[in-house]
C-alpha atoms as a PDB file:
ATOM      1  CA  MET A   1     -17.368  26.015  73.324  1.00  0.00           C
ATOM      2  CA  GLU A   2     -20.944  26.695  74.384  1.00  0.00           C
ATOM      3  CA  ARG A   3     -21.708  29.466  76.814  1.00  0.00           C
ATOM      4  CA  GLY A   4     -22.210  28.446  80.403  1.00  0.00           C
ATOM      5  CA  TYR A   5     -19.238  26.142  81.020  1.00  0.00           C
ATOM      6  CA  ASP A   6     -17.792  25.724  84.515  1.00  0.00           C
ATOM      7  CA  PRO A   7     -14.262  27.240  84.604  1.00  0.00           C
ATOM      8  CA  ILE A   8     -13.330  25.223  87.702  1.00  0.00           C
ATOM      9  CA  ALA A   9     -14.173  21.965  85.965  1.00  0.00           C
ATOM     10  CA  LEU A  10     -12.356  23.137  82.834  1.00  0.00           C
ATOM     11  CA  ALA A  11      -9.304  23.931  84.961  1.00  0.00           C
ATOM     12  CA  GLU A  12      -9.109  20.346  86.207  1.00  0.00           C
ATOM     13  CA  THR A  13      -9.674  18.888  82.742  1.00  0.00           C
ATOM     14  CA  THR A  14      -6.919  21.108  81.385  1.00  0.00           C
ATOM     15  CA  ARG A  15      -4.534  20.373  84.250  1.00  0.00           C
ATOM     16  CA  LYS A  16      -4.631  16.667  83.437  1.00  0.00           C
ATOM     17  CA  ILE A  17      -3.419  17.530  79.933  1.00  0.00           C
ATOM     18  CA  VAL A  18      -0.747  20.128  80.678  1.00  0.00           C
ATOM     19  CA  GLU A  19       0.756  18.700  83.890  1.00  0.00           C
ATOM     20  CA  ARG A  20       2.760  15.502  84.244  1.00  0.00           C
ATOM     21  CA  ASP A  21       4.969  14.358  87.115  1.00  0.00           C
ATOM     22  CA  GLY A  22       5.288  17.887  88.492  1.00  0.00           C
ATOM     23  CA  LYS A  23       6.134  19.342  85.097  1.00  0.00           C
ATOM     24  CA  ARG A  24       3.973  21.703  83.060  1.00  0.00           C
ATOM     25  CA  LYS A  25       3.728  22.460  79.366  1.00  0.00           C
ATOM     26  CA  TYR A  26       5.198  25.774  78.171  1.00  0.00           C
ATOM     27  CA  TYR A  27       5.454  27.109  74.647  1.00  0.00           C
ATOM     28  CA  ARG A  28       8.113  29.819  74.937  1.00  0.00           C
ATOM     29  CA  PHE A  29      10.362  31.897  77.181  1.00  0.00           C
ATOM     30  CA  ARG A  30      10.933  35.565  76.376  1.00  0.00           C
ATOM     31  CA  GLY A  31      11.855  39.004  77.596  1.00  0.00           C
ATOM     32  CA  GLY A  32       9.580  41.997  77.168  1.00  0.00           C
ATOM     33  CA  ARG A  33       8.988  45.617  78.049  1.00  0.00           C
ATOM     34  CA  TRP A  34       5.841  45.134  80.138  1.00  0.00           C
ATOM     35  CA  TYR A  35       6.222  46.369  83.737  1.00  0.00           C
ATOM     36  CA  GLY A  36       9.325  48.203  82.557  1.00  0.00           C
ATOM     37  CA  GLY A  37      11.065  44.929  81.710  1.00  0.00           C
ATOM     38  CA  ILE A  38      10.180  41.365  82.696  1.00  0.00           C
ATOM     39  CA  ALA A  39      11.244  37.788  81.927  1.00  0.00           C
ATOM     40  CA  THR A  40       8.265  35.645  80.935  1.00  0.00           C
ATOM     41  CA  ALA A  41       7.488  31.940  80.725  1.00  0.00           C
ATOM     42  CA  ASP A  42       4.393  31.404  78.563  1.00  0.00           C
ATOM     43  CA  CYS A  43       2.473  28.371  79.812  1.00  0.00           C
ATOM     44  CA  VAL A  44      -0.075  26.195  78.031  1.00  0.00           C
ATOM     45  CA  GLY A  45      -3.664  25.767  79.186  1.00  0.00           C
ATOM     46  CA  CYS A  46      -6.389  28.057  80.553  1.00  0.00           C
ATOM     47  CA  ASN A  47      -9.736  27.636  82.295  1.00  0.00           C
ATOM     48  CA  LEU A  48     -11.357  30.522  80.405  1.00  0.00           C
ATOM     49  CA  ARG A  49     -12.039  31.118  76.721  1.00  0.00           C
ATOM     50  CA  CYS A  50     -11.929  34.921  76.589  1.00  0.00           C
ATOM     51  CA  ILE A  51     -12.933  36.235  73.204  1.00  0.00           C
ATOM     52  CA  PHE A  52     -10.302  38.995  73.397  1.00  0.00           C
ATOM     53  CA  CYS A  53      -7.395  36.780  74.481  1.00  0.00           C
ATOM     54  CA  TRP A  54      -4.131  37.219  72.584  1.00  0.00           C
ATOM     55  CA  SER A  55      -3.165  33.605  73.286  1.00  0.00           C
ATOM     56  CA  ASN A  56      -4.417  31.494  70.427  1.00  0.00           C
ATOM     57  CA  VAL A  57      -3.091  28.055  69.483  1.00  0.00           C
ATOM     58  CA  PRO A  58      -1.527  27.213  72.897  1.00  0.00           C
ATOM     59  CA  ARG A  59      -4.753  28.047  74.717  1.00  0.00           C
ATOM     60  CA  ASP A  60      -7.086  26.165  72.414  1.00  0.00           C
ATOM     61  CA  ASN A  61      -4.831  23.178  71.703  1.00  0.00           C
ATOM     62  CA  PRO A  62      -3.254  22.022  74.981  1.00  0.00           C
ATOM     63  CA  THR A  63      -2.905  18.448  73.685  1.00  0.00           C
ATOM     64  CA  MET A  64      -0.332  19.498  71.087  1.00  0.00           C
ATOM     65  CA  SER A  65       3.258  18.424  71.663  1.00  0.00           C
ATOM     66  CA  TRP A  66       4.391  21.407  73.710  1.00  0.00           C
ATOM     67  CA  LYS A  67       7.365  20.647  75.937  1.00  0.00           C
ATOM     68  CA  PHE A  68       7.030  19.815  79.626  1.00  0.00           C
ATOM     69  CA  TYR A  69       9.298  21.763  81.989  1.00  0.00           C
ATOM     70  CA  SER A  70      10.039  21.182  85.662  1.00  0.00           C
ATOM     71  CA  PRO A  71       9.831  24.128  88.098  1.00  0.00           C
ATOM     72  CA  GLU A  72      13.637  24.185  88.210  1.00  0.00           C
ATOM     73  CA  GLU A  73      13.889  24.340  84.414  1.00  0.00           C
ATOM     74  CA  VAL A  74      11.316  27.129  84.237  1.00  0.00           C
ATOM     75  CA  TYR A  75      13.148  29.136  86.859  1.00  0.00           C
ATOM     76  CA  ARG A  76      16.537  28.652  85.226  1.00  0.00           C
ATOM     77  CA  ASN A  77      15.157  29.871  81.908  1.00  0.00           C
ATOM     78  CA  LEU A  78      13.586  32.920  83.530  1.00  0.00           C
ATOM     79  CA  VAL A  79      16.758  33.781  85.430  1.00  0.00           C
ATOM     80  CA  LYS A  80      18.867  33.449  82.289  1.00  0.00           C
ATOM     81  CA  ILE A  81      16.676  36.006  80.493  1.00  0.00           C
ATOM     82  CA  ALA A  82      16.479  38.302  83.522  1.00  0.00           C
ATOM     83  CA  GLU A  83      20.228  38.312  84.069  1.00  0.00           C
ATOM     84  CA  ARG A  84      20.987  38.945  80.414  1.00  0.00           C
ATOM     85  CA  ARG A  85      18.561  41.852  80.204  1.00  0.00           C
ATOM     86  CA  LYS A  86      19.090  43.126  83.747  1.00  0.00           C
ATOM     87  CA  TYR A  87      15.460  42.587  84.750  1.00  0.00           C
ATOM     88  CA  ARG A  88      14.297  42.312  88.342  1.00  0.00           C
ATOM     89  CA  LEU A  89      10.822  40.996  87.502  1.00  0.00           C
ATOM     90  CA  ILE A  90       9.743  37.549  86.293  1.00  0.00           C
ATOM     91  CA  ARG A  91       6.361  35.971  85.586  1.00  0.00           C
ATOM     92  CA  ILE A  92       4.362  33.138  84.051  1.00  0.00           C
ATOM     93  CA  SER A  93       1.910  34.348  81.437  1.00  0.00           C
ATOM     94  CA  GLY A  94       0.256  33.238  78.187  1.00  0.00           C
ATOM     95  CA  ASN A  95      -2.458  31.187  79.905  1.00  0.00           C
ATOM     96  CA  GLU A  96      -3.482  30.489  83.523  1.00  0.00           C
ATOM     97  CA  PRO A  97      -0.581  29.811  85.948  1.00  0.00           C
ATOM     98  CA  THR A  98      -2.752  28.669  88.870  1.00  0.00           C
ATOM     99  CA  ILE A  99      -4.088  25.567  87.086  1.00  0.00           C
ATOM    100  CA  CYS A 100      -0.934  23.650  88.103  1.00  0.00           C
ATOM    101  CA  TRP A 101      -0.788  24.895  91.677  1.00  0.00           C
ATOM    102  CA  ASP A 102       1.940  22.677  93.125  1.00  0.00           C
ATOM    103  CA  HIS A 103       4.149  23.410  90.111  1.00  0.00           C
ATOM    104  CA  LEU A 104       3.605  27.147  90.611  1.00  0.00           C
ATOM    105  CA  ILE A 105       4.312  26.995  94.337  1.00  0.00           C
ATOM    106  CA  LYS A 106       7.644  25.268  93.713  1.00  0.00           C
ATOM    107  CA  ILE A 107       8.623  28.067  91.331  1.00  0.00           C
ATOM    108  CA  LEU A 108       7.672  30.648  93.966  1.00  0.00           C
ATOM    109  CA  GLU A 109       9.824  28.797  96.483  1.00  0.00           C
ATOM    110  CA  LEU A 110      12.762  29.101  94.094  1.00  0.00           C
ATOM    111  CA  VAL A 111      12.080  32.828  93.724  1.00  0.00           C
ATOM    112  CA  GLU A 112      12.073  33.168  97.489  1.00  0.00           C
ATOM    113  CA  GLN A 113      15.263  31.171  97.945  1.00  0.00           C
ATOM    114  CA  ASP A 114      17.077  33.190  95.279  1.00  0.00           C
ATOM    115  CA  GLY A 115      15.959  36.563  96.643  1.00  0.00           C
ATOM    116  CA  ARG A 116      16.987  38.604  93.606  1.00  0.00           C
ATOM    117  CA  PHE A 117      13.698  38.793  91.703  1.00  0.00           C
ATOM    118  CA  LYS A 118      10.061  39.674  92.195  1.00  0.00           C
ATOM    119  CA  PHE A 119       7.400  37.411  90.729  1.00  0.00           C
ATOM    120  CA  ILE A 120       4.259  38.893  89.160  1.00  0.00           C
ATOM    121  CA  LEU A 121       1.481  36.313  89.357  1.00  0.00           C
ATOM    122  CA  GLU A 122      -0.917  37.123  86.534  1.00  0.00           C
ATOM    123  CA  THR A 123      -4.160  35.226  87.052  1.00  0.00           C
ATOM    124  CA  ASN A 124      -7.889  35.359  86.444  1.00  0.00           C
ATOM    125  CA  GLY A 125      -8.225  34.501  90.132  1.00  0.00           C
ATOM    126  CA  ILE A 126     -10.978  31.941  89.722  1.00  0.00           C
ATOM    127  CA  LEU A 127      -9.022  29.192  91.495  1.00  0.00           C
ATOM    128  CA  ILE A 128      -7.704  31.377  94.327  1.00  0.00           C
ATOM    129  CA  ASP A 129      -9.760  30.376  97.348  1.00  0.00           C
ATOM    130  CA  LYS A 130      -8.901  30.977 101.004  1.00  0.00           C
ATOM    131  CA  SER A 131      -6.434  28.089 101.108  1.00  0.00           C
ATOM    132  CA  LYS A 132      -4.515  29.254  98.049  1.00  0.00           C
ATOM    133  CA  ALA A 133      -4.440  32.837  99.316  1.00  0.00           C
ATOM    134  CA  GLU A 134      -2.944  31.496 102.536  1.00  0.00           C
ATOM    135  CA  ASP A 135      -0.324  29.623 100.491  1.00  0.00           C
ATOM    136  CA  LEU A 136       0.634  32.841  98.716  1.00  0.00           C
ATOM    137  CA  SER A 137       0.841  34.778 101.984  1.00  0.00           C
ATOM    138  CA  LYS A 138       3.949  32.782 102.891  1.00  0.00           C
ATOM    139  CA  PHE A 139       5.951  34.446 100.125  1.00  0.00           C
ATOM    140  CA  ARG A 140       7.455  37.933 100.267  1.00  0.00           C
ATOM    141  CA  ARG A 141       8.528  38.308  96.669  1.00  0.00           C
ATOM    142  CA  VAL A 142       5.151  37.821  94.970  1.00  0.00           C
ATOM    143  CA  HIS A 143       2.639  40.365  93.697  1.00  0.00           C
ATOM    144  CA  VAL A 144      -0.690  39.153  92.307  1.00  0.00           C
ATOM    145  CA  ARG A 145      -2.410  40.806  89.357  1.00  0.00           C
ATOM    146  CA  VAL A 146      -6.017  39.601  89.116  1.00  0.00           C
ATOM    147  CA  SER A 147      -7.343  40.158  85.598  1.00  0.00           C
ATOM    148  CA  LEU A 148     -11.101  40.713  85.742  1.00  0.00           C
ATOM    149  CA  LYS A 149     -12.945  39.745  82.590  1.00  0.00           C
ATOM    150  CA  GLY A 150     -15.291  42.684  82.338  1.00  0.00           C
ATOM    151  CA  THR A 151     -16.988  44.601  85.127  1.00  0.00           C
ATOM    152  CA  CYS A 152     -19.988  42.424  85.994  1.00  0.00           C
ATOM    153  CA  GLU A 153     -21.509  38.970  85.579  1.00  0.00           C
ATOM    154  CA  GLU A 154     -23.164  39.794  82.252  1.00  0.00           C
ATOM    155  CA  GLU A 155     -19.954  41.109  80.678  1.00  0.00           C
ATOM    156  CA  PHE A 156     -17.955  38.228  82.108  1.00  0.00           C
ATOM    157  CA  SER A 157     -20.253  35.662  80.518  1.00  0.00           C
ATOM    158  CA  LEU A 158     -20.373  37.525  77.202  1.00  0.00           C
ATOM    159  CA  LEU A 159     -16.575  37.784  76.997  1.00  0.00           C
ATOM    160  CA  THR A 160     -15.613  34.346  78.326  1.00  0.00           C
ATOM    161  CA  GLY A 161     -18.593  32.123  77.555  1.00  0.00           C
ATOM    162  CA  ALA A 162     -18.448  30.863  81.148  1.00  0.00           C
ATOM    163  CA  ARG A 163     -21.189  30.793  83.764  1.00  0.00           C
ATOM    164  CA  PRO A 164     -22.002  34.372  84.823  1.00  0.00           C
ATOM    165  CA  GLU A 165     -21.679  33.581  88.523  1.00  0.00           C
ATOM    166  CA  ALA A 166     -18.005  32.708  88.042  1.00  0.00           C
ATOM    167  CA  PHE A 167     -17.319  36.453  87.927  1.00  0.00           C
ATOM    168  CA  GLU A 168     -17.889  36.478  91.687  1.00  0.00           C
ATOM    169  CA  LEU A 169     -14.992  34.052  92.068  1.00  0.00           C
ATOM    170  CA  GLN A 170     -12.700  36.709  90.607  1.00  0.00           C
ATOM    171  CA  LEU A 171     -13.840  39.278  93.160  1.00  0.00           C
ATOM    172  CA  ASN A 172     -13.663  36.670  95.920  1.00  0.00           C
ATOM    173  CA  ALA A 173     -10.024  36.073  94.983  1.00  0.00           C
ATOM    174  CA  LEU A 174      -9.266  39.728  95.623  1.00  0.00           C
ATOM    175  CA  LYS A 175     -10.994  39.510  98.999  1.00  0.00           C
ATOM    176  CA  HIS A 176      -9.089  36.369  99.983  1.00  0.00           C
ATOM    177  CA  LEU A 177      -5.800  38.006  98.998  1.00  0.00           C
ATOM    178  CA  ALA A 178      -6.649  41.141 100.999  1.00  0.00           C
ATOM    179  CA  ASP A 179      -7.675  39.061 104.006  1.00  0.00           C
ATOM    180  CA  HIS A 180      -4.302  37.300 103.933  1.00  0.00           C
ATOM    181  CA  SER A 181      -2.313  40.505 103.278  1.00  0.00           C
ATOM    182  CA  VAL A 182      -1.039  39.298  99.909  1.00  0.00           C
ATOM    183  CA  PRO A 183       0.110  42.250  97.745  1.00  0.00           C
ATOM    184  CA  ALA A 184      -2.284  42.418  94.802  1.00  0.00           C
ATOM    185  CA  HIS A 185      -4.169  44.676  92.452  1.00  0.00           C
ATOM    186  CA  PRO A 186      -7.068  44.264  90.010  1.00  0.00           C
ATOM    187  CA  ALA A 187      -6.905  44.800  86.280  1.00  0.00           C
ATOM    188  CA  ALA A 188     -10.143  44.847  84.280  1.00  0.00           C
ATOM    189  CA  MET A 189     -10.930  44.476  80.602  1.00  0.00           C
ATOM    190  CA  LEU A 190     -12.918  47.648  79.885  1.00  0.00           C
ATOM    191  CA  SER A 191     -13.125  47.618  76.085  1.00  0.00           C
ATOM    192  CA  PHE A 192     -16.701  46.375  76.232  1.00  0.00           C
ATOM    193  CA  SER A 193     -17.924  48.194  79.360  1.00  0.00           C
ATOM    194  CA  SER A 194     -20.248  51.106  79.932  1.00  0.00           C
ATOM    195  CA  ARG A 195     -19.265  53.945  82.258  1.00  0.00           C
ATOM    196  CA  GLU A 196     -22.075  52.937  84.576  1.00  0.00           C
ATOM    197  CA  ASN A 197     -20.768  49.379  84.888  1.00  0.00           C
ATOM    198  CA  ILE A 198     -17.220  50.603  85.440  1.00  0.00           C
ATOM    199  CA  SER A 199     -18.427  52.845  88.261  1.00  0.00           C
ATOM    200  CA  LYS A 200     -20.278  49.947  89.859  1.00  0.00           C
ATOM    201  CA  LEU A 201     -17.171  47.787  89.711  1.00  0.00           C
ATOM    202  CA  ILE A 202     -15.050  50.510  91.304  1.00  0.00           C
ATOM    203  CA  LYS A 203     -17.576  50.728  94.132  1.00  0.00           C
ATOM    204  CA  ARG A 204     -17.422  46.975  94.696  1.00  0.00           C
ATOM    205  CA  LEU A 205     -13.629  47.034  94.726  1.00  0.00           C
ATOM    206  CA  ASP A 206     -13.672  49.858  97.263  1.00  0.00           C
ATOM    207  CA  GLU A 207     -15.862  47.742  99.518  1.00  0.00           C
ATOM    208  CA  ILE A 208     -13.300  44.921  99.364  1.00  0.00           C
ATOM    209  CA  ASP A 209     -10.232  47.109  99.887  1.00  0.00           C
ATOM    210  CA  PRO A 210      -9.735  50.811  98.978  1.00  0.00           C
ATOM    211  CA  VAL A 211      -6.195  49.941  97.872  1.00  0.00           C
ATOM    212  CA  TYR A 212      -7.719  48.113  94.916  1.00  0.00           C
ATOM    213  CA  VAL A 213      -9.295  51.345  93.705  1.00  0.00           C
ATOM    214  CA  ARG A 214      -6.066  53.292  93.975  1.00  0.00           C
ATOM    215  CA  GLU A 215      -4.135  50.580  92.122  1.00  0.00           C
ATOM    216  CA  PHE A 216      -6.862  49.709  89.613  1.00  0.00           C
ATOM    217  CA  GLU A 217      -5.437  48.886  86.173  1.00  0.00           C
ATOM    218  CA  GLU A 218      -7.401  49.397  82.962  1.00  0.00           C
ATOM    219  CA  GLU A 219      -7.084  46.795  80.203  1.00  0.00           C
ATOM    220  CA  TYR A 220      -8.125  47.212  76.573  1.00  0.00           C
ATOM    221  CA  VAL A 221      -8.266  44.730  73.740  1.00  0.00           C
ATOM    222  CA  PHE A 222      -5.436  44.498  71.213  1.00  0.00           C
ATOM    223  CA  LEU A 223      -6.751  43.686  67.746  1.00  0.00           C
ATOM    224  CA  TYR A 224      -4.535  40.812  66.702  1.00  0.00           C
ATOM    225  CA  PRO A 225      -5.860  39.078  63.552  1.00  0.00           C
ATOM    226  CA  HIS A 226      -7.225  36.064  65.444  1.00  0.00           C
ATOM    227  CA  VAL A 227      -8.884  38.378  67.994  1.00  0.00           C
ATOM    228  CA  LYS A 228     -10.538  40.378  65.202  1.00  0.00           C
ATOM    229  CA  ASP A 229     -11.827  37.115  63.739  1.00  0.00           C
ATOM    230  CA  ARG A 230     -13.249  35.951  67.078  1.00  0.00           C
ATOM    231  CA  LEU A 231     -14.977  39.291  67.646  1.00  0.00           C
ATOM    232  CA  ARG A 232     -16.386  39.319  64.123  1.00  0.00           C
ATOM    233  CA  ARG A 233     -17.792  35.801  64.435  1.00  0.00           C
ATOM    234  CA  ALA A 234     -19.336  36.659  67.796  1.00  0.00           C
ATOM    235  CA  GLY A 235     -20.802  39.909  66.501  1.00  0.00           C
ATOM    236  CA  ILE A 236     -19.151  41.903  69.294  1.00  0.00           C
ATOM    237  CA  THR A 237     -17.605  45.330  68.728  1.00  0.00           C
ATOM    238  CA  PRO A 238     -15.309  46.844  71.381  1.00  0.00           C
ATOM    239  CA  LYS A 239     -15.906  50.414  72.471  1.00  0.00           C
ATOM    240  CA  VAL A 240     -12.130  50.964  72.787  1.00  0.00           C
ATOM    241  CA  ALA A 241      -9.391  48.889  71.128  1.00  0.00           C
ATOM    242  CA  TYR A 242      -5.814  49.219  69.927  1.00  0.00           C
ATOM    243  CA  GLU A 243      -3.807  47.802  67.047  1.00  0.00           C
ATOM    244  CA  PRO A 244      -0.824  45.753  68.324  1.00  0.00           C
ATOM    245  CA  ASP A 245       1.710  48.011  66.581  1.00  0.00           C
ATOM    246  CA  ARG A 246       0.192  51.178  67.995  1.00  0.00           C
ATOM    247  CA  VAL A 247      -0.015  50.482  71.711  1.00  0.00           C
ATOM    248  CA  PRO A 248      -0.030  53.666  73.840  1.00  0.00           C
ATOM    249  CA  GLU A 249       3.088  53.963  75.987  1.00  0.00           C
ATOM    250  CA  ASP A 250       1.069  54.076  79.204  1.00  0.00           C
ATOM    251  CA  LEU A 251      -0.260  50.595  78.400  1.00  0.00           C
ATOM    252  CA  VAL A 252       3.234  49.145  78.034  1.00  0.00           C
END
């Protein structure tokens, strides 16, 4: 995909492929050690094309015959994993959960009604405007992790191929969440960032909400084979990266 695409337009194009009658496409359900143990539903379809993304075929081929699941089916699968492994956290990951907003909200309602689990909403934040932040403020068992793609517009565009100005939508999401008192924190891909740019980002986060600086999460690229190939073809070399089988414990 050429650089300069509109991630909001891509989100709508993708939604029409991965959502049908309130159901969304998913490609697997799994447990894992992230966050100290979490049940995960990996969805299909994203509105970004990050060069470092570990999702591969499901992201780039949403038209494939992945299975559609209703919110109730997704929640039942997550609960089954969580109960078996004694987890208290659940999430949707793999691609972008907010593309199918009504579907997501119904899952959050089920989380709220159940009351046993906390939902980690992992998102790039691009679609979280004031209205969606207000929607999220109604829930008490949700924490939002906004994954920033780099530290500035230039890095964002280099790493995603999207319009540089879309980086501001990620920061705006954090502001909307803070304004509506939604528990959240930023994570940022720093494998390609200079110290100067990291410092500038920290300053901007502090201006939005000092809590975001205290809870700032560093992300670094994992060199899966398909990620190595993407980086090689793009001629981009990360400053810091890790092999998937040698992930530091503090990143797990």
